[in-house]
Amino acid sequence: MTQPVNPTVELPACDIARRFVRIKETRPDGMVSFEFAIGWPELSVDLMLPRPAFEEFCVAQQVQRLND
């Protein structure tokens, strides 16, 4: 039996217009391993792109870089 969700629990606001990138590693072969998040920087996915594609991705997504 599932427990009902408590409707009084306040979740942090999620602004889906905010996009975040945290670089994890730049490999010798030019690949950039990074975390990408929408809304909440704590909830991310791991991605990997060649450096030029990564830079284009960041511009297209208008990201805030978290570790620059």
PDB file of N, CA and C in Angstrom:
ATOM      1  N   MET A   1       0.850  -1.171   0.000  1.00  0.00           N
ATOM      2  CA  MET A   1       0.000   0.000   0.000  1.00  0.00           C
ATOM      3  C   MET A   1       0.896   1.235   0.000  1.00  0.00           C
ATOM      4  N   THR A   2       0.640   2.135  -0.919  1.00  0.00           N
ATOM      5  CA  THR A   2       1.441   3.358  -0.978  1.00  0.00           C
ATOM      6  C   THR A   2       0.907   4.394  -0.017  1.00  0.00           C
ATOM      7  N   GLN A   3       1.842   5.153   0.517  1.00  0.00           N
ATOM      8  CA  GLN A   3       1.483   6.208   1.459  1.00  0.00           C
ATOM      9  C   GLN A   3       1.074   7.454   0.675  1.00  0.00           C
ATOM     10  N   PRO A   4       0.056   8.163   1.103  1.00  0.00           N
ATOM     11  CA  PRO A   4      -0.322   9.401   0.413  1.00  0.00           C
ATOM     12  C   PRO A   4       0.757  10.464   0.593  1.00  0.00           C
ATOM     13  N   VAL A   5       0.906  11.289  -0.410  1.00  0.00           N
ATOM     14  CA  VAL A   5       1.876  12.385  -0.345  1.00  0.00           C
ATOM     15  C   VAL A   5       1.317  13.464   0.560  1.00  0.00           C
ATOM     16  N   ASN A   6       2.168  13.953   1.461  1.00  0.00           N
ATOM     17  CA  ASN A   6       1.758  15.018   2.368  1.00  0.00           C
ATOM     18  C   ASN A   6       1.677  16.323   1.577  1.00  0.00           C
ATOM     19  N   PRO A   7       0.493  16.895   1.401  1.00  0.00           N
ATOM     20  CA  PRO A   7       0.364  18.107   0.576  1.00  0.00           C
ATOM     21  C   PRO A   7       0.998  19.347   1.195  1.00  0.00           C
ATOM     22  N   THR A   8       1.421  19.281   2.446  1.00  0.00           N
ATOM     23  CA  THR A   8       2.033  20.448   3.080  1.00  0.00           C
ATOM     24  C   THR A   8       3.542  20.510   2.865  1.00  0.00           C
ATOM     25  N   VAL A   9       4.115  19.507   2.222  1.00  0.00           N
ATOM     26  CA  VAL A   9       5.554  19.508   1.966  1.00  0.00           C
ATOM     27  C   VAL A   9       5.863  20.547   0.896  1.00  0.00           C
ATOM     28  N   GLU A  10       6.760  21.461   1.206  1.00  0.00           N
ATOM     29  CA  GLU A  10       7.155  22.514   0.277  1.00  0.00           C
ATOM     30  C   GLU A  10       8.389  22.058  -0.499  1.00  0.00           C
ATOM     31  N   LEU A  11       8.285  21.990  -1.806  1.00  0.00           N
ATOM     32  CA  LEU A  11       9.420  21.656  -2.650  1.00  0.00           C
ATOM     33  C   LEU A  11      10.081  22.943  -3.123  1.00  0.00           C
ATOM     34  N   PRO A  12      11.400  22.909  -3.334  1.00  0.00           N
ATOM     35  CA  PRO A  12      12.063  24.112  -3.832  1.00  0.00           C
ATOM     36  C   PRO A  12      11.526  24.463  -5.221  1.00  0.00           C
ATOM     37  N   ALA A  13      11.488  25.740  -5.511  1.00  0.00           N
ATOM     38  CA  ALA A  13      11.011  26.194  -6.816  1.00  0.00           C
ATOM     39  C   ALA A  13      11.906  25.651  -7.915  1.00  0.00           C
ATOM     40  N   CYS A  14      11.298  25.322  -9.034  1.00  0.00           N
ATOM     41  CA  CYS A  14      12.050  24.815 -10.185  1.00  0.00           C
ATOM     42  C   CYS A  14      11.814  25.748 -11.363  1.00  0.00           C
ATOM     43  N   ASP A  15      12.851  26.466 -11.736  1.00  0.00           N
ATOM     44  CA  ASP A  15      12.775  27.367 -12.881  1.00  0.00           C
ATOM     45  C   ASP A  15      13.401  26.642 -14.070  1.00  0.00           C
ATOM     46  N   ILE A  16      12.575  26.096 -14.960  1.00  0.00           N
ATOM     47  CA  ILE A  16      13.108  25.295 -16.063  1.00  0.00           C
ATOM     48  C   ILE A  16      13.845  26.132 -17.106  1.00  0.00           C
ATOM     49  N   ALA A  17      13.820  27.436 -16.952  1.00  0.00           N
ATOM     50  CA  ALA A  17      14.604  28.288 -17.839  1.00  0.00           C
ATOM     51  C   ALA A  17      16.075  28.305 -17.426  1.00  0.00           C
ATOM     52  N   ARG A  18      16.360  27.874 -16.192  1.00  0.00           N
ATOM     53  CA  ARG A  18      17.751  27.850 -15.713  1.00  0.00           C
ATOM     54  C   ARG A  18      18.393  26.524 -16.092  1.00  0.00           C
ATOM     55  N   ARG A  19      19.558  26.599 -16.734  1.00  0.00           N
ATOM     56  CA  ARG A  19      20.298  25.416 -17.178  1.00  0.00           C
ATOM     57  C   ARG A  19      21.701  25.489 -16.584  1.00  0.00           C
ATOM     58  N   PHE A  20      22.206  24.347 -16.137  1.00  0.00           N
ATOM     59  CA  PHE A  20      23.500  24.311 -15.446  1.00  0.00           C
ATOM     60  C   PHE A  20      24.421  23.260 -16.059  1.00  0.00           C
ATOM     61  N   VAL A  21      25.715  23.572 -16.075  1.00  0.00           N
ATOM     62  CA  VAL A  21      26.744  22.633 -16.523  1.00  0.00           C
ATOM     63  C   VAL A  21      27.855  22.623 -15.493  1.00  0.00           C
ATOM     64  N   ARG A  22      28.303  21.432 -15.154  1.00  0.00           N
ATOM     65  CA  ARG A  22      29.478  21.265 -14.289  1.00  0.00           C
ATOM     66  C   ARG A  22      30.422  20.311 -15.015  1.00  0.00           C
ATOM     67  N   ILE A  23      31.586  20.809 -15.422  1.00  0.00           N
ATOM     68  CA  ILE A  23      32.567  19.970 -16.116  1.00  0.00           C
ATOM     69  C   ILE A  23      33.185  19.016 -15.107  1.00  0.00           C
ATOM     70  N   LYS A  24      33.190  17.736 -15.463  1.00  0.00           N
ATOM     71  CA  LYS A  24      33.793  16.715 -14.606  1.00  0.00           C
ATOM     72  C   LYS A  24      35.214  16.401 -15.051  1.00  0.00           C
ATOM     73  N   GLU A  25      35.420  16.370 -16.386  1.00  0.00           N
ATOM     74  CA  GLU A  25      36.734  15.983 -16.906  1.00  0.00           C
ATOM     75  C   GLU A  25      36.858  16.436 -18.351  1.00  0.00           C
ATOM     76  N   THR A  26      38.057  16.906 -18.702  1.00  0.00           N
ATOM     77  CA  THR A  26      38.395  17.130 -20.103  1.00  0.00           C
ATOM     78  C   THR A  26      39.462  16.100 -20.450  1.00  0.00           C
ATOM     79  N   ARG A  27      39.096  15.181 -21.318  1.00  0.00           N
ATOM     80  CA  ARG A  27      39.987  14.059 -21.639  1.00  0.00           C
ATOM     81  C   ARG A  27      41.042  14.466 -22.662  1.00  0.00           C
ATOM     82  N   PRO A  28      42.168  13.752 -22.712  1.00  0.00           N
ATOM     83  CA  PRO A  28      43.219  14.058 -23.680  1.00  0.00           C
ATOM     84  C   PRO A  28      42.748  13.965 -25.135  1.00  0.00           C
ATOM     85  N   ASP A  29      41.715  13.160 -25.397  1.00  0.00           N
ATOM     86  CA  ASP A  29      41.206  13.039 -26.768  1.00  0.00           C
ATOM     87  C   ASP A  29      40.240  14.173 -27.135  1.00  0.00           C
ATOM     88  N   GLY A  30      40.072  15.158 -26.239  1.00  0.00           N
ATOM     89  CA  GLY A  30      39.242  16.318 -26.528  1.00  0.00           C
ATOM     90  C   GLY A  30      37.793  16.190 -26.096  1.00  0.00           C
ATOM     91  N   MET A  31      37.420  15.059 -25.542  1.00  0.00           N
ATOM     92  CA  MET A  31      36.046  14.879 -25.072  1.00  0.00           C
ATOM     93  C   MET A  31      35.874  15.554 -23.712  1.00  0.00           C
ATOM     94  N   VAL A  32      34.714  16.180 -23.521  1.00  0.00           N
ATOM     95  CA  VAL A  32      34.390  16.842 -22.260  1.00  0.00           C
ATOM     96  C   VAL A  32      33.281  16.053 -21.590  1.00  0.00           C
ATOM     97  N   SER A  33      33.542  15.574 -20.396  1.00  0.00           N
ATOM     98  CA  SER A  33      32.558  14.881 -19.587  1.00  0.00           C
ATOM     99  C   SER A  33      31.965  15.921 -18.640  1.00  0.00           C
ATOM    100  N   PHE A  34      30.616  16.007 -18.619  1.00  0.00           N
ATOM    101  CA  PHE A  34      29.998  17.046 -17.807  1.00  0.00           C
ATOM    102  C   PHE A  34      28.622  16.624 -17.301  1.00  0.00           C
ATOM    103  N   GLU A  35      28.176  17.334 -16.281  1.00  0.00           N
ATOM    104  CA  GLU A  35      26.834  17.161 -15.742  1.00  0.00           C
ATOM    105  C   GLU A  35      25.974  18.289 -16.296  1.00  0.00           C
ATOM    106  N   PHE A  36      24.752  17.956 -16.712  1.00  0.00           N
ATOM    107  CA  PHE A  36      23.815  18.951 -17.222  1.00  0.00           C
ATOM    108  C   PHE A  36      22.537  18.877 -16.407  1.00  0.00           C
ATOM    109  N   ALA A  37      22.054  20.032 -15.969  1.00  0.00           N
ATOM    110  CA  ALA A  37      20.855  20.076 -15.140  1.00  0.00           C
ATOM    111  C   ALA A  37      19.926  21.182 -15.629  1.00  0.00           C
ATOM    112  N   ILE A  38      18.629  20.939 -15.467  1.00  0.00           N
ATOM    113  CA  ILE A  38      17.600  21.933 -15.773  1.00  0.00           C
ATOM    114  C   ILE A  38      16.817  22.190 -14.492  1.00  0.00           C
ATOM    115  N   GLY A  39      16.750  23.452 -14.110  1.00  0.00           N
ATOM    116  CA  GLY A  39      15.951  23.824 -12.939  1.00  0.00           C
ATOM    117  C   GLY A  39      16.688  23.697 -11.626  1.00  0.00           C
ATOM    118  N   TRP A  40      17.093  22.518 -11.281  1.00  0.00           N
ATOM    119  CA  TRP A  40      17.822  22.261 -10.034  1.00  0.00           C
ATOM    120  C   TRP A  40      19.219  21.744 -10.373  1.00  0.00           C
ATOM    121  N   PRO A  41      20.284  22.422  -9.943  1.00  0.00           N
ATOM    122  CA  PRO A  41      21.629  21.939 -10.254  1.00  0.00           C
ATOM    123  C   PRO A  41      21.972  20.621  -9.559  1.00  0.00           C
ATOM    124  N   GLU A  42      21.219  20.259  -8.523  1.00  0.00           N
ATOM    125  CA  GLU A  42      21.493  19.023  -7.782  1.00  0.00           C
ATOM    126  C   GLU A  42      21.000  17.774  -8.529  1.00  0.00           C
ATOM    127  N   LEU A  43      20.128  17.943  -9.503  1.00  0.00           N
ATOM    128  CA  LEU A  43      19.557  16.827 -10.248  1.00  0.00           C
ATOM    129  C   LEU A  43      20.053  16.922 -11.682  1.00  0.00           C
ATOM    130  N   SER A  44      21.027  16.084 -12.027  1.00  0.00           N
ATOM    131  CA  SER A  44      21.685  16.231 -13.321  1.00  0.00           C
ATOM    132  C   SER A  44      21.851  14.887 -14.025  1.00  0.00           C
ATOM    133  N   VAL A  45      22.218  14.992 -15.300  1.00  0.00           N
ATOM    134  CA  VAL A  45      22.583  13.811 -16.089  1.00  0.00           C
ATOM    135  C   VAL A  45      24.025  13.989 -16.542  1.00  0.00           C
ATOM    136  N   ASP A  46      24.725  12.885 -16.704  1.00  0.00           N
ATOM    137  CA  ASP A  46      26.099  12.919 -17.198  1.00  0.00           C
ATOM    138  C   ASP A  46      26.082  12.818 -18.719  1.00  0.00           C
ATOM    139  N   LEU A  47      26.835  13.696 -19.355  1.00  0.00           N
ATOM    140  CA  LEU A  47      26.949  13.708 -20.811  1.00  0.00           C
ATOM    141  C   LEU A  47      28.413  13.836 -21.189  1.00  0.00           C
ATOM    142  N   MET A  48      28.699  13.530 -22.470  1.00  0.00           N
ATOM    143  CA  MET A  48      30.057  13.678 -22.975  1.00  0.00           C
ATOM    144  C   MET A  48      29.970  14.118 -24.431  1.00  0.00           C
ATOM    145  N   LEU A  49      30.720  15.176 -24.753  1.00  0.00           N
ATOM    146  CA  LEU A  49      30.748  15.708 -26.109  1.00  0.00           C
ATOM    147  C   LEU A  49      32.170  16.132 -26.464  1.00  0.00           C
ATOM    148  N   PRO A  50      32.498  16.174 -27.761  1.00  0.00           N
ATOM    149  CA  PRO A  50      33.767  16.787 -28.159  1.00  0.00           C
ATOM    150  C   PRO A  50      33.737  18.279 -27.782  1.00  0.00           C
ATOM    151  N   ARG A  51      34.880  18.868 -27.475  1.00  0.00           N
ATOM    152  CA  ARG A  51      34.950  20.258 -27.001  1.00  0.00           C
ATOM    153  C   ARG A  51      34.151  21.233 -27.869  1.00  0.00           C
ATOM    154  N   PRO A  52      34.293  21.226 -29.215  1.00  0.00           N
ATOM    155  CA  PRO A  52      33.512  22.193 -30.006  1.00  0.00           C
ATOM    156  C   PRO A  52      31.992  22.002 -29.841  1.00  0.00           C
ATOM    157  N   ALA A  53      31.538  20.769 -29.811  1.00  0.00           N
ATOM    158  CA  ALA A  53      30.115  20.488 -29.633  1.00  0.00           C
ATOM    159  C   ALA A  53      29.660  20.893 -28.225  1.00  0.00           C
ATOM    160  N   PHE A  54      30.515  20.688 -27.238  1.00  0.00           N
ATOM    161  CA  PHE A  54      30.203  21.102 -25.871  1.00  0.00           C
ATOM    162  C   PHE A  54      29.995  22.612 -25.796  1.00  0.00           C
ATOM    163  N   GLU A  55      30.893  23.368 -26.420  1.00  0.00           N
ATOM    164  CA  GLU A  55      30.771  24.829 -26.403  1.00  0.00           C
ATOM    165  C   GLU A  55      29.482  25.267 -27.101  1.00  0.00           C
ATOM    166  N   GLU A  56      29.144  24.650 -28.227  1.00  0.00           N
ATOM    167  CA  GLU A  56      27.896  24.957 -28.931  1.00  0.00           C
ATOM    168  C   GLU A  56      26.684  24.615 -28.060  1.00  0.00           C
ATOM    169  N   PHE A  57      26.745  23.480 -27.383  1.00  0.00           N
ATOM    170  CA  PHE A  57      25.674  23.050 -26.489  1.00  0.00           C
ATOM    171  C   PHE A  57      25.444  24.090 -25.399  1.00  0.00           C
ATOM    172  N   CYS A  58      26.529  24.575 -24.806  1.00  0.00           N
ATOM    173  CA  CYS A  58      26.429  25.556 -23.728  1.00  0.00           C
ATOM    174  C   CYS A  58      25.792  26.859 -24.214  1.00  0.00           C
ATOM    175  N   VAL A  59      26.155  27.296 -25.411  1.00  0.00           N
ATOM    176  CA  VAL A  59      25.569  28.521 -25.968  1.00  0.00           C
ATOM    177  C   VAL A  59      24.091  28.299 -26.270  1.00  0.00           C
ATOM    178  N   ALA A  60      23.769  27.179 -26.920  1.00  0.00           N
ATOM    179  CA  ALA A  60      22.382  26.891 -27.296  1.00  0.00           C
ATOM    180  C   ALA A  60      21.476  26.766 -26.072  1.00  0.00           C
ATOM    181  N   GLN A  61      22.001  26.180 -24.999  1.00  0.00           N
ATOM    182  CA  GLN A  61      21.212  25.977 -23.774  1.00  0.00           C
ATOM    183  C   GLN A  61      21.277  27.158 -22.811  1.00  0.00           C
ATOM    184  N   GLN A  62      22.140  28.141 -23.123  1.00  0.00           N
ATOM    185  CA  GLN A  62      22.325  29.315 -22.257  1.00  0.00           C
ATOM    186  C   GLN A  62      22.598  28.888 -20.815  1.00  0.00           C
ATOM    187  N   VAL A  63      23.603  28.047 -20.661  1.00  0.00           N
ATOM    188  CA  VAL A  63      23.887  27.450 -19.359  1.00  0.00           C
ATOM    189  C   VAL A  63      24.625  28.396 -18.424  1.00  0.00           C
ATOM    190  N   GLN A  64      24.485  28.111 -17.160  1.00  0.00           N
ATOM    191  CA  GLN A  64      25.308  28.718 -16.111  1.00  0.00           C
ATOM    192  C   GLN A  64      26.350  27.665 -15.757  1.00  0.00           C
ATOM    193  N   ARG A  65      27.614  27.996 -15.940  1.00  0.00           N
ATOM    194  CA  ARG A  65      28.678  27.037 -15.611  1.00  0.00           C
ATOM    195  C   ARG A  65      28.955  27.100 -14.111  1.00  0.00           C
ATOM    196  N   LEU A  66      28.921  25.962 -13.486  1.00  0.00           N
ATOM    197  CA  LEU A  66      29.041  25.909 -12.027  1.00  0.00           C
ATOM    198  C   LEU A  66      30.472  25.800 -11.534  1.00  0.00           C
ATOM    199  N   ASN A  67      31.410  25.467 -12.386  1.00  0.00           N
ATOM    200  CA  ASN A  67      32.782  25.331 -11.889  1.00  0.00           C
ATOM    201  C   ASN A  67      33.785  26.099 -12.746  1.00  0.00           C
ATOM    202  N   ASP A  68      33.390  27.221 -13.287  1.00  0.00           N
ATOM    203  CA  ASP A  68      34.333  28.075 -14.021  1.00  0.00           C
ATOM    204  C   ASP A  68      34.927  29.110 -13.101  1.00  0.00           C
TER     205      ASP A  68
END
